[in-house]
Amino acid sequence: MHPAGLAAAAAGTPRLRKWPSKRRIPVSQPGMADPHQLFDDTSAAQSRGYGAQRAPGDLGYPAASATPQAAFLADPVSNMAMAYGSSLAAQGKELVDKNIDRFIPVTKLKYYFAVDTMYVGRKLGLLFFPYLHQDWEVQYQQDTPVAPRFDVNAPDLYIPAMAFITYVLVAGLALGTQDRFSPDLLGLQASSALAWLTLEVLAILLSLYLVTVNTDLTTIDLVAFLGYKYVGMIGGVLMGLLFGKIGYYLVLGWCCVSIFVFMIRTLRLKILAEAAAEGVPVREARNQLRMYLTMAVAAAQPLLMYWLTFHLVR
């Protein structure tokens, strides 16, 4: 065919238009994730939840919920219960304090520990050299004895307590140097010393009751006076460790005589002065018993000092 005829034929037939092919894209249902998406988009849910927690008038922060403690304190019944509980606790503390003061005189014990460094030094000098001391009277202020730090003649518990602890430590040292140390033996040493002190106090109280002595000598005073002998015991044991038996006997003998003189001059004012104030004659039988009691208490101190220390020095 002629090319012109082909062109005319092509011009006479209608030309087909090609439309782009359409693919069906699956529409995701609400609440379903896109199958081509690797992770779920939760920002919308979070924004909805965050917006739901906002209170009107807030600055964009979530409203703080009330805690159970705050709700409990806001309740008037709970406030009344707390006040009642506080009052019960205060009453219980007051009751315990009263019972403690009845069995353990805490306020009195404070008096016996009212010491200072100067008092301790002067008291130790008095225990080792009582022959140089002249005035043994205890000073009073408005019918109350002054604190020990103001009067060297006043009894205290600081020196006896520290001397007892030091005596136990020195006894352990002496046993260790002799290869005889053991916790049981050290405990026996401490318990025996404490038991002898207790027996002394009970025996003196019983003797004062039998002799019917009206004195201001209390049980704590007795513990203080009887506890001063541990000072001389420490000195004797230490000198025994350094210089042997000779040093032990020399120092312990000096301390025994010193504690004897100290106890005589101290207890004489506590026991015999009451008899003089009552107008009892010196040679009266009951007054003689008081003198013998004073001498017996003073003489028992050197014996116990030797008994509790002689086995520690070899």
C-alpha atoms as a PDB file:
ATOM      1  CA  MET A   1       0.000   0.000   0.000  1.00  0.00           C
ATOM      2  CA  HIS A   2       1.024   3.525  -0.690  1.00  0.00           C
ATOM      3  CA  PRO A   3       2.271   5.381   2.309  1.00  0.00           C
ATOM      4  CA  ALA A   4      -0.218   8.136   1.784  1.00  0.00           C
ATOM      5  CA  GLY A   5      -3.105   5.674   1.984  1.00  0.00           C
ATOM      6  CA  LEU A   6      -1.740   4.214   5.193  1.00  0.00           C
ATOM      7  CA  ALA A   7      -1.556   7.611   6.725  1.00  0.00           C
ATOM      8  CA  ALA A   8      -5.160   8.350   5.681  1.00  0.00           C
ATOM      9  CA  ALA A   9      -6.357   5.037   7.153  1.00  0.00           C
ATOM     10  CA  ALA A  10      -4.543   5.704  10.387  1.00  0.00           C
ATOM     11  CA  ALA A  11      -6.079   9.133  10.549  1.00  0.00           C
ATOM     12  CA  GLY A  12      -9.596   7.703  10.039  1.00  0.00           C
ATOM     13  CA  THR A  13      -9.486   5.133  12.938  1.00  0.00           C
ATOM     14  CA  PRO A  14      -9.791   6.462  16.494  1.00  0.00           C
ATOM     15  CA  ARG A  15      -6.606   6.299  18.641  1.00  0.00           C
ATOM     16  CA  LEU A  16      -6.813   4.403  22.042  1.00  0.00           C
ATOM     17  CA  ARG A  17      -5.537   6.355  25.142  1.00  0.00           C
ATOM     18  CA  LYS A  18      -3.451   4.440  27.604  1.00  0.00           C
ATOM     19  CA  TRP A  19      -4.484   5.005  31.297  1.00  0.00           C
ATOM     20  CA  PRO A  20      -2.012   4.260  34.058  1.00  0.00           C
ATOM     21  CA  SER A  21      -2.582   0.946  35.790  1.00  0.00           C
ATOM     22  CA  LYS A  22      -4.256   1.178  39.178  1.00  0.00           C
ATOM     23  CA  ARG A  23      -3.213  -0.977  42.183  1.00  0.00           C
ATOM     24  CA  ARG A  24      -5.532  -1.703  45.080  1.00  0.00           C
ATOM     25  CA  ILE A  25      -3.999  -0.315  48.223  1.00  0.00           C
ATOM     26  CA  PRO A  26      -5.379  -1.941  51.333  1.00  0.00           C
ATOM     27  CA  VAL A  27      -7.059   0.532  53.588  1.00  0.00           C
ATOM     28  CA  SER A  28      -6.086   0.107  57.204  1.00  0.00           C
ATOM     29  CA  GLN A  29      -8.976  -0.230  59.564  1.00  0.00           C
ATOM     30  CA  PRO A  30      -9.072   1.865  62.683  1.00  0.00           C
ATOM     31  CA  GLY A  31      -7.110   0.150  65.439  1.00  0.00           C
ATOM     32  CA  MET A  32      -5.139  -1.961  62.939  1.00  0.00           C
ATOM     33  CA  ALA A  33      -1.479  -1.345  62.217  1.00  0.00           C
ATOM     34  CA  ASP A  34      -0.102  -0.812  58.756  1.00  0.00           C
ATOM     35  CA  PRO A  35       1.213  -4.157  57.481  1.00  0.00           C
ATOM     36  CA  HIS A  36       4.207  -2.360  55.892  1.00  0.00           C
ATOM     37  CA  GLN A  37       5.043  -0.497  59.112  1.00  0.00           C
ATOM     38  CA  LEU A  38       7.681  -2.035  61.339  1.00  0.00           C
ATOM     39  CA  PHE A  39       6.619  -0.321  64.620  1.00  0.00           C
ATOM     40  CA  ASP A  40       3.305   0.886  65.947  1.00  0.00           C
ATOM     41  CA  ASP A  41       2.767   4.601  66.203  1.00  0.00           C
ATOM     42  CA  THR A  42       1.688   5.254  69.788  1.00  0.00           C
ATOM     43  CA  SER A  43       2.214   9.014  69.820  1.00  0.00           C
ATOM     44  CA  ALA A  44      -1.457   9.667  69.235  1.00  0.00           C
ATOM     45  CA  ALA A  45      -2.510   7.448  72.102  1.00  0.00           C
ATOM     46  CA  GLN A  46       0.012   9.039  74.383  1.00  0.00           C
ATOM     47  CA  SER A  47      -1.106  12.524  73.395  1.00  0.00           C
ATOM     48  CA  ARG A  48      -4.706  11.543  74.019  1.00  0.00           C
ATOM     49  CA  GLY A  49      -3.841  10.075  77.404  1.00  0.00           C
ATOM     50  CA  TYR A  50      -1.678  13.012  78.344  1.00  0.00           C
ATOM     51  CA  GLY A  51      -4.362  15.441  77.339  1.00  0.00           C
ATOM     52  CA  ALA A  52      -6.945  13.490  79.288  1.00  0.00           C
ATOM     53  CA  GLN A  53      -4.926  13.837  82.501  1.00  0.00           C
ATOM     54  CA  ARG A  54      -4.785  17.588  82.286  1.00  0.00           C
ATOM     55  CA  ALA A  55      -7.040  19.537  84.494  1.00  0.00           C
ATOM     56  CA  PRO A  56      -8.614  22.750  83.285  1.00  0.00           C
ATOM     57  CA  GLY A  57      -6.493  25.713  84.158  1.00  0.00           C
ATOM     58  CA  ASP A  58      -3.255  23.676  84.531  1.00  0.00           C
ATOM     59  CA  LEU A  59      -0.010  24.655  82.856  1.00  0.00           C
ATOM     60  CA  GLY A  60       0.237  21.475  80.875  1.00  0.00           C
ATOM     61  CA  TYR A  61       1.343  19.217  83.713  1.00  0.00           C
ATOM     62  CA  PRO A  62      -0.609  16.181  84.869  1.00  0.00           C
ATOM     63  CA  ALA A  63      -2.640  16.685  87.985  1.00  0.00           C
ATOM     64  CA  ALA A  64      -0.990  15.223  91.071  1.00  0.00           C
ATOM     65  CA  SER A  65      -3.124  12.653  92.827  1.00  0.00           C
ATOM     66  CA  ALA A  66      -3.520  12.893  96.607  1.00  0.00           C
ATOM     67  CA  THR A  67      -1.336  10.438  98.555  1.00  0.00           C
ATOM     68  CA  PRO A  68      -2.847   8.145 101.211  1.00  0.00           C
ATOM     69  CA  GLN A  69      -0.762   9.870 103.914  1.00  0.00           C
ATOM     70  CA  ALA A  70      -2.112  13.283 102.979  1.00  0.00           C
ATOM     71  CA  ALA A  71      -5.640  11.925 102.923  1.00  0.00           C
ATOM     72  CA  PHE A  72      -5.085  10.357 106.369  1.00  0.00           C
ATOM     73  CA  LEU A  73      -3.749  13.583 107.868  1.00  0.00           C
ATOM     74  CA  ALA A  74      -6.602  15.576 106.383  1.00  0.00           C
ATOM     75  CA  ASP A  75      -9.085  13.403 108.273  1.00  0.00           C
ATOM     76  CA  PRO A  76     -10.072  15.043 111.623  1.00  0.00           C
ATOM     77  CA  VAL A  77     -10.538  11.621 113.236  1.00  0.00           C
ATOM     78  CA  SER A  78      -6.955  10.697 112.421  1.00  0.00           C
ATOM     79  CA  ASN A  79      -5.724  13.976 113.897  1.00  0.00           C
ATOM     80  CA  MET A  80      -7.571  13.213 117.111  1.00  0.00           C
ATOM     81  CA  ALA A  81      -6.028   9.730 117.190  1.00  0.00           C
ATOM     82  CA  MET A  82      -2.547  11.146 116.712  1.00  0.00           C
ATOM     83  CA  ALA A  83      -3.041  13.647 119.537  1.00  0.00           C
ATOM     84  CA  TYR A  84      -4.321  10.890 121.833  1.00  0.00           C
ATOM     85  CA  GLY A  85      -1.356   8.694 120.945  1.00  0.00           C
ATOM     86  CA  SER A  86       1.083  11.508 121.695  1.00  0.00           C
ATOM     87  CA  SER A  87      -0.499  12.083 125.103  1.00  0.00           C
ATOM     88  CA  LEU A  88      -0.283   8.358 125.888  1.00  0.00           C
ATOM     89  CA  ALA A  89       3.399   8.324 124.904  1.00  0.00           C
ATOM     90  CA  ALA A  90       4.121  11.317 127.164  1.00  0.00           C
ATOM     91  CA  GLN A  91       2.326   9.667 130.086  1.00  0.00           C
ATOM     92  CA  GLY A  92       4.241   6.434 129.528  1.00  0.00           C
ATOM     93  CA  LYS A  93       7.580   8.257 129.477  1.00  0.00           C
ATOM     94  CA  GLU A  94       6.717  10.047 132.720  1.00  0.00           C
ATOM     95  CA  LEU A  95       5.723   6.759 134.360  1.00  0.00           C
ATOM     96  CA  VAL A  96       8.972   5.069 133.280  1.00  0.00           C
ATOM     97  CA  ASP A  97      11.027   7.995 134.588  1.00  0.00           C
ATOM     98  CA  LYS A  98       9.299   7.805 137.964  1.00  0.00           C
ATOM     99  CA  ASN A  99       9.880   4.055 138.275  1.00  0.00           C
ATOM    100  CA  ILE A 100      13.525   4.369 137.237  1.00  0.00           C
ATOM    101  CA  ASP A 101      14.107   7.098 139.833  1.00  0.00           C
ATOM    102  CA  ARG A 102      12.499   4.901 142.477  1.00  0.00           C
ATOM    103  CA  PHE A 103      14.781   1.901 141.855  1.00  0.00           C
ATOM    104  CA  ILE A 104      17.818   3.640 140.318  1.00  0.00           C
ATOM    105  CA  PRO A 105      18.337   7.177 141.664  1.00  0.00           C
ATOM    106  CA  VAL A 106      19.606   8.725 138.452  1.00  0.00           C
ATOM    107  CA  THR A 107      19.522  12.252 139.835  1.00  0.00           C
ATOM    108  CA  LYS A 108      21.631  11.200 142.809  1.00  0.00           C
ATOM    109  CA  LEU A 109      24.102   9.386 140.602  1.00  0.00           C
ATOM    110  CA  LYS A 110      24.726  12.603 138.693  1.00  0.00           C
ATOM    111  CA  TYR A 111      25.975  14.163 141.910  1.00  0.00           C
ATOM    112  CA  TYR A 112      28.602  11.431 142.405  1.00  0.00           C
ATOM    113  CA  PHE A 113      29.974  11.893 138.888  1.00  0.00           C
ATOM    114  CA  ALA A 114      30.220  15.700 139.071  1.00  0.00           C
ATOM    115  CA  VAL A 115      34.035  15.729 139.065  1.00  0.00           C
ATOM    116  CA  ASP A 116      36.791  17.418 137.124  1.00  0.00           C
ATOM    117  CA  THR A 117      40.492  16.851 136.507  1.00  0.00           C
ATOM    118  CA  MET A 118      41.615  18.918 139.488  1.00  0.00           C
ATOM    119  CA  TYR A 119      39.355  16.997 141.851  1.00  0.00           C
ATOM    120  CA  VAL A 120      40.617  13.630 140.573  1.00  0.00           C
ATOM    121  CA  GLY A 121      44.234  14.665 141.097  1.00  0.00           C
ATOM    122  CA  ARG A 122      43.579  15.977 144.599  1.00  0.00           C
ATOM    123  CA  LYS A 123      41.566  12.908 145.545  1.00  0.00           C
ATOM    124  CA  LEU A 124      44.284  10.517 144.379  1.00  0.00           C
ATOM    125  CA  GLY A 125      46.800  12.483 146.415  1.00  0.00           C
ATOM    126  CA  LEU A 126      44.505  12.223 149.435  1.00  0.00           C
ATOM    127  CA  LEU A 127      44.225   8.449 149.004  1.00  0.00           C
ATOM    128  CA  PHE A 128      48.005   7.969 148.879  1.00  0.00           C
ATOM    129  CA  PHE A 129      48.889  10.617 151.498  1.00  0.00           C
ATOM    130  CA  PRO A 130      45.986  11.010 153.938  1.00  0.00           C
ATOM    131  CA  TYR A 131      48.400  11.922 156.763  1.00  0.00           C
ATOM    132  CA  LEU A 132      48.894  15.426 155.376  1.00  0.00           C
ATOM    133  CA  HIS A 133      45.196  16.285 155.228  1.00  0.00           C
ATOM    134  CA  GLN A 134      43.692  18.170 158.152  1.00  0.00           C
ATOM    135  CA  ASP A 135      40.104  19.188 157.396  1.00  0.00           C
ATOM    136  CA  TRP A 136      37.900  16.136 156.750  1.00  0.00           C
ATOM    137  CA  GLU A 137      34.543  17.842 157.085  1.00  0.00           C
ATOM    138  CA  VAL A 138      32.194  17.673 154.097  1.00  0.00           C
ATOM    139  CA  GLN A 139      31.024  21.097 152.984  1.00  0.00           C
ATOM    140  CA  TYR A 140      27.299  21.830 152.764  1.00  0.00           C
ATOM    141  CA  GLN A 141      25.282  24.467 150.979  1.00  0.00           C
ATOM    142  CA  GLN A 142      21.723  24.924 152.262  1.00  0.00           C
ATOM    143  CA  ASP A 143      21.643  21.450 153.898  1.00  0.00           C
ATOM    144  CA  THR A 144      22.906  19.876 150.687  1.00  0.00           C
ATOM    145  CA  PRO A 145      26.484  18.639 150.219  1.00  0.00           C
ATOM    146  CA  VAL A 146      28.355  20.461 147.504  1.00  0.00           C
ATOM    147  CA  ALA A 147      29.434  18.667 144.343  1.00  0.00           C
ATOM    148  CA  PRO A 148      32.630  16.600 144.589  1.00  0.00           C
ATOM    149  CA  ARG A 149      34.510  18.919 142.247  1.00  0.00           C
ATOM    150  CA  PHE A 150      34.161  21.662 144.870  1.00  0.00           C
ATOM    151  CA  ASP A 151      35.036  19.514 147.915  1.00  0.00           C
ATOM    152  CA  VAL A 152      37.791  16.899 147.997  1.00  0.00           C
ATOM    153  CA  ASN A 153      36.179  15.247 151.058  1.00  0.00           C
ATOM    154  CA  ALA A 154      32.951  14.464 149.191  1.00  0.00           C
ATOM    155  CA  PRO A 155      32.576  10.872 147.983  1.00  0.00           C
ATOM    156  CA  ASP A 156      32.387  10.185 144.256  1.00  0.00           C
ATOM    157  CA  LEU A 157      31.819   7.207 142.006  1.00  0.00           C
ATOM    158  CA  TYR A 158      34.054   8.231 139.124  1.00  0.00           C
ATOM    159  CA  ILE A 159      37.340   7.175 140.740  1.00  0.00           C
ATOM    160  CA  PRO A 160      35.976   3.843 142.103  1.00  0.00           C
ATOM    161  CA  ALA A 161      34.402   2.938 138.768  1.00  0.00           C
ATOM    162  CA  MET A 162      37.508   3.774 136.750  1.00  0.00           C
ATOM    163  CA  ALA A 163      39.726   2.058 139.338  1.00  0.00           C
ATOM    164  CA  PHE A 164      37.652  -1.134 139.172  1.00  0.00           C
ATOM    165  CA  ILE A 165      37.865  -1.274 135.369  1.00  0.00           C
ATOM    166  CA  THR A 166      41.594  -0.523 135.465  1.00  0.00           C
ATOM    167  CA  TYR A 167      42.110  -3.212 138.098  1.00  0.00           C
ATOM    168  CA  VAL A 168      40.507  -5.799 135.829  1.00  0.00           C
ATOM    169  CA  LEU A 169      42.704  -4.705 132.912  1.00  0.00           C
ATOM    170  CA  VAL A 170      45.856  -4.778 135.024  1.00  0.00           C
ATOM    171  CA  ALA A 171      44.899  -8.224 136.299  1.00  0.00           C
ATOM    172  CA  GLY A 172      44.598  -9.402 132.697  1.00  0.00           C
ATOM    173  CA  LEU A 173      48.010  -7.927 131.943  1.00  0.00           C
ATOM    174  CA  ALA A 174      49.549  -9.694 134.933  1.00  0.00           C
ATOM    175  CA  LEU A 175      48.002 -13.001 133.944  1.00  0.00           C
ATOM    176  CA  GLY A 176      49.205 -12.550 130.375  1.00  0.00           C
ATOM    177  CA  THR A 177      52.812 -11.978 131.437  1.00  0.00           C
ATOM    178  CA  GLN A 178      52.643 -15.277 133.338  1.00  0.00           C
ATOM    179  CA  ASP A 179      51.087 -17.184 130.408  1.00  0.00           C
ATOM    180  CA  ARG A 180      47.982 -17.808 132.502  1.00  0.00           C
ATOM    181  CA  PHE A 181      45.557 -15.497 130.705  1.00  0.00           C
ATOM    182  CA  SER A 182      42.154 -16.769 129.684  1.00  0.00           C
ATOM    183  CA  PRO A 183      38.819 -14.985 129.307  1.00  0.00           C
ATOM    184  CA  ASP A 184      37.242 -17.254 131.927  1.00  0.00           C
ATOM    185  CA  LEU A 185      39.953 -16.487 134.463  1.00  0.00           C
ATOM    186  CA  LEU A 186      39.692 -12.754 133.823  1.00  0.00           C
ATOM    187  CA  GLY A 187      35.918 -12.905 134.213  1.00  0.00           C
ATOM    188  CA  LEU A 188      36.359 -14.827 137.475  1.00  0.00           C
ATOM    189  CA  GLN A 189      38.723 -12.138 138.715  1.00  0.00           C
ATOM    190  CA  ALA A 190      36.250  -9.341 137.943  1.00  0.00           C
ATOM    191  CA  SER A 191      33.233 -11.188 139.338  1.00  0.00           C
ATOM    192  CA  SER A 192      35.039 -12.097 142.562  1.00  0.00           C
ATOM    193  CA  ALA A 193      36.052  -8.475 143.150  1.00  0.00           C
ATOM    194  CA  LEU A 194      32.483  -7.331 142.512  1.00  0.00           C
ATOM    195  CA  ALA A 195      31.088 -10.050 144.782  1.00  0.00           C
ATOM    196  CA  TRP A 196      33.378  -9.024 147.659  1.00  0.00           C
ATOM    197  CA  LEU A 197      32.294  -5.409 147.223  1.00  0.00           C
ATOM    198  CA  THR A 198      28.637  -6.416 147.380  1.00  0.00           C
ATOM    199  CA  LEU A 199      29.201  -8.507 150.502  1.00  0.00           C
ATOM    200  CA  GLU A 200      30.985  -5.591 152.158  1.00  0.00           C
ATOM    201  CA  VAL A 201      28.122  -3.212 151.492  1.00  0.00           C
ATOM    202  CA  LEU A 202      25.497  -5.674 152.754  1.00  0.00           C
ATOM    203  CA  ALA A 203      27.491  -6.484 155.887  1.00  0.00           C
ATOM    204  CA  ILE A 204      27.967  -2.814 156.756  1.00  0.00           C
ATOM    205  CA  LEU A 205      24.295  -2.002 156.192  1.00  0.00           C
ATOM    206  CA  LEU A 206      23.287  -4.903 158.409  1.00  0.00           C
ATOM    207  CA  SER A 207      25.747  -3.813 161.098  1.00  0.00           C
ATOM    208  CA  LEU A 208      24.466  -0.242 161.025  1.00  0.00           C
ATOM    209  CA  TYR A 209      20.934  -1.551 161.421  1.00  0.00           C
ATOM    210  CA  LEU A 210      21.844  -3.788 164.346  1.00  0.00           C
ATOM    211  CA  VAL A 211      23.800  -1.060 166.111  1.00  0.00           C
ATOM    212  CA  THR A 212      20.945   1.404 165.385  1.00  0.00           C
ATOM    213  CA  VAL A 213      23.137   4.110 163.966  1.00  0.00           C
ATOM    214  CA  ASN A 214      21.322   7.187 162.696  1.00  0.00           C
ATOM    215  CA  THR A 215      23.614   8.436 159.962  1.00  0.00           C
ATOM    216  CA  ASP A 216      23.382  10.123 156.608  1.00  0.00           C
ATOM    217  CA  LEU A 217      25.704   7.469 155.156  1.00  0.00           C
ATOM    218  CA  THR A 218      23.865   6.091 152.121  1.00  0.00           C
ATOM    219  CA  THR A 219      24.437   2.912 150.155  1.00  0.00           C
ATOM    220  CA  ILE A 220      26.043   4.863 147.317  1.00  0.00           C
ATOM    221  CA  ASP A 221      28.401   6.490 149.821  1.00  0.00           C
ATOM    222  CA  LEU A 222      29.472   3.048 151.015  1.00  0.00           C
ATOM    223  CA  VAL A 223      30.116   1.888 147.449  1.00  0.00           C
ATOM    224  CA  ALA A 224      32.221   4.991 146.842  1.00  0.00           C
ATOM    225  CA  PHE A 225      34.298   4.653 150.019  1.00  0.00           C
ATOM    226  CA  LEU A 226      34.822   0.910 149.602  1.00  0.00           C
ATOM    227  CA  GLY A 227      35.748   1.350 145.951  1.00  0.00           C
ATOM    228  CA  TYR A 228      38.722   3.575 146.720  1.00  0.00           C
ATOM    229  CA  LYS A 229      40.812   0.539 147.683  1.00  0.00           C
ATOM    230  CA  TYR A 230      41.109  -0.455 143.994  1.00  0.00           C
ATOM    231  CA  VAL A 231      43.475   2.502 143.514  1.00  0.00           C
ATOM    232  CA  GLY A 232      46.021   1.004 145.918  1.00  0.00           C
ATOM    233  CA  MET A 233      45.514  -2.466 144.414  1.00  0.00           C
ATOM    234  CA  ILE A 234      46.419  -1.141 140.978  1.00  0.00           C
ATOM    235  CA  GLY A 235      49.575   0.469 142.314  1.00  0.00           C
ATOM    236  CA  GLY A 236      50.645  -2.713 144.089  1.00  0.00           C
ATOM    237  CA  VAL A 237      50.132  -4.962 141.055  1.00  0.00           C
ATOM    238  CA  LEU A 238      51.934  -2.562 138.703  1.00  0.00           C
ATOM    239  CA  MET A 239      54.925  -2.298 141.024  1.00  0.00           C
ATOM    240  CA  GLY A 240      54.922  -6.074 141.321  1.00  0.00           C
ATOM    241  CA  LEU A 241      55.089  -6.432 137.552  1.00  0.00           C
ATOM    242  CA  LEU A 242      57.961  -3.952 137.345  1.00  0.00           C
ATOM    243  CA  PHE A 243      60.021  -4.803 140.432  1.00  0.00           C
ATOM    244  CA  GLY A 244      58.803  -8.196 141.547  1.00  0.00           C
ATOM    245  CA  LYS A 245      57.616  -9.222 144.988  1.00  0.00           C
ATOM    246  CA  ILE A 246      59.590  -6.548 146.822  1.00  0.00           C
ATOM    247  CA  GLY A 247      57.997  -3.709 144.887  1.00  0.00           C
ATOM    248  CA  TYR A 248      54.589  -5.302 145.307  1.00  0.00           C
ATOM    249  CA  TYR A 249      54.791  -5.593 149.092  1.00  0.00           C
ATOM    250  CA  LEU A 250      56.296  -2.139 149.584  1.00  0.00           C
ATOM    251  CA  VAL A 251      53.710  -0.276 147.527  1.00  0.00           C
ATOM    252  CA  LEU A 252      50.778  -2.415 148.640  1.00  0.00           C
ATOM    253  CA  GLY A 253      51.795  -2.028 152.292  1.00  0.00           C
ATOM    254  CA  TRP A 254      51.915   1.744 151.925  1.00  0.00           C
ATOM    255  CA  CYS A 255      48.526   1.798 150.194  1.00  0.00           C
ATOM    256  CA  CYS A 256      47.005  -0.480 152.848  1.00  0.00           C
ATOM    257  CA  VAL A 257      48.071   1.831 155.663  1.00  0.00           C
ATOM    258  CA  SER A 258      46.862   4.859 153.687  1.00  0.00           C
ATOM    259  CA  ILE A 259      43.425   3.409 153.003  1.00  0.00           C
ATOM    260  CA  PHE A 260      43.106   2.386 156.655  1.00  0.00           C
ATOM    261  CA  VAL A 261      43.791   5.936 157.830  1.00  0.00           C
ATOM    262  CA  PHE A 262      41.516   7.357 155.126  1.00  0.00           C
ATOM    263  CA  MET A 263      38.580   5.132 156.100  1.00  0.00           C
ATOM    264  CA  ILE A 264      39.007   5.818 159.825  1.00  0.00           C
ATOM    265  CA  ARG A 265      38.997   9.574 159.387  1.00  0.00           C
ATOM    266  CA  THR A 266      36.152   9.533 156.878  1.00  0.00           C
ATOM    267  CA  LEU A 267      33.771   7.089 158.563  1.00  0.00           C
ATOM    268  CA  ARG A 268      34.461   8.590 161.989  1.00  0.00           C
ATOM    269  CA  LEU A 269      32.675  11.732 160.875  1.00  0.00           C
ATOM    270  CA  LYS A 270      29.829   9.760 159.364  1.00  0.00           C
ATOM    271  CA  ILE A 271      29.184   7.309 162.218  1.00  0.00           C
ATOM    272  CA  LEU A 272      30.621   8.736 165.444  1.00  0.00           C
ATOM    273  CA  ALA A 273      29.638  12.341 164.735  1.00  0.00           C
ATOM    274  CA  GLU A 274      25.955  11.387 164.878  1.00  0.00           C
ATOM    275  CA  ALA A 275      26.495   9.881 168.319  1.00  0.00           C
ATOM    276  CA  ALA A 276      28.214  13.047 169.508  1.00  0.00           C
ATOM    277  CA  ALA A 277      25.355  15.133 168.137  1.00  0.00           C
ATOM    278  CA  GLU A 278      22.863  12.939 170.018  1.00  0.00           C
ATOM    279  CA  GLY A 279      24.754  13.506 173.273  1.00  0.00           C
ATOM    280  CA  VAL A 280      25.796   9.890 173.686  1.00  0.00           C
ATOM    281  CA  PRO A 281      28.788   9.547 176.053  1.00  0.00           C
ATOM    282  CA  VAL A 282      32.005   8.372 174.457  1.00  0.00           C
ATOM    283  CA  ARG A 283      32.298   5.324 176.726  1.00  0.00           C
ATOM    284  CA  GLU A 284      28.686   4.316 176.363  1.00  0.00           C
ATOM    285  CA  ALA A 285      28.230   0.714 175.152  1.00  0.00           C
ATOM    286  CA  ARG A 286      26.432   1.591 171.924  1.00  0.00           C
ATOM    287  CA  ASN A 287      29.028   4.201 171.100  1.00  0.00           C
ATOM    288  CA  GLN A 288      31.739   1.621 171.662  1.00  0.00           C
ATOM    289  CA  LEU A 289      30.030  -0.627 169.126  1.00  0.00           C
ATOM    290  CA  ARG A 290      30.084   2.199 166.617  1.00  0.00           C
ATOM    291  CA  MET A 291      33.806   2.639 167.139  1.00  0.00           C
ATOM    292  CA  TYR A 292      34.407  -1.079 166.681  1.00  0.00           C
ATOM    293  CA  LEU A 293      32.312  -1.038 163.519  1.00  0.00           C
ATOM    294  CA  THR A 294      34.382   1.812 162.103  1.00  0.00           C
ATOM    295  CA  MET A 295      37.605   0.018 162.931  1.00  0.00           C
ATOM    296  CA  ALA A 296      36.356  -3.233 161.406  1.00  0.00           C
ATOM    297  CA  VAL A 297      35.368  -1.588 158.121  1.00  0.00           C
ATOM    298  CA  ALA A 298      38.734   0.170 157.895  1.00  0.00           C
ATOM    299  CA  ALA A 299      40.681  -3.010 158.775  1.00  0.00           C
ATOM    300  CA  ALA A 300      38.829  -5.070 156.167  1.00  0.00           C
ATOM    301  CA  GLN A 301      40.155  -2.929 153.313  1.00  0.00           C
ATOM    302  CA  PRO A 302      43.862  -3.972 153.560  1.00  0.00           C
ATOM    303  CA  LEU A 303      42.872  -7.620 153.921  1.00  0.00           C
ATOM    304  CA  LEU A 304      40.776  -7.538 150.755  1.00  0.00           C
ATOM    305  CA  MET A 305      43.449  -5.609 148.888  1.00  0.00           C
ATOM    306  CA  TYR A 306      45.953  -8.381 149.603  1.00  0.00           C
ATOM    307  CA  TRP A 307      43.462 -11.197 148.959  1.00  0.00           C
ATOM    308  CA  LEU A 308      42.513  -9.897 145.506  1.00  0.00           C
ATOM    309  CA  THR A 309      46.072  -9.193 144.308  1.00  0.00           C
ATOM    310  CA  PHE A 310      48.587 -11.615 145.870  1.00  0.00           C
ATOM    311  CA  HIS A 311      48.028 -14.311 143.197  1.00  0.00           C
ATOM    312  CA  LEU A 312      48.658 -11.813 140.380  1.00  0.00           C
ATOM    313  CA  VAL A 313      52.341 -11.294 141.229  1.00  0.00           C
ATOM    314  CA  ARG A 314      54.850 -14.141 141.120  1.00  0.00           C
END
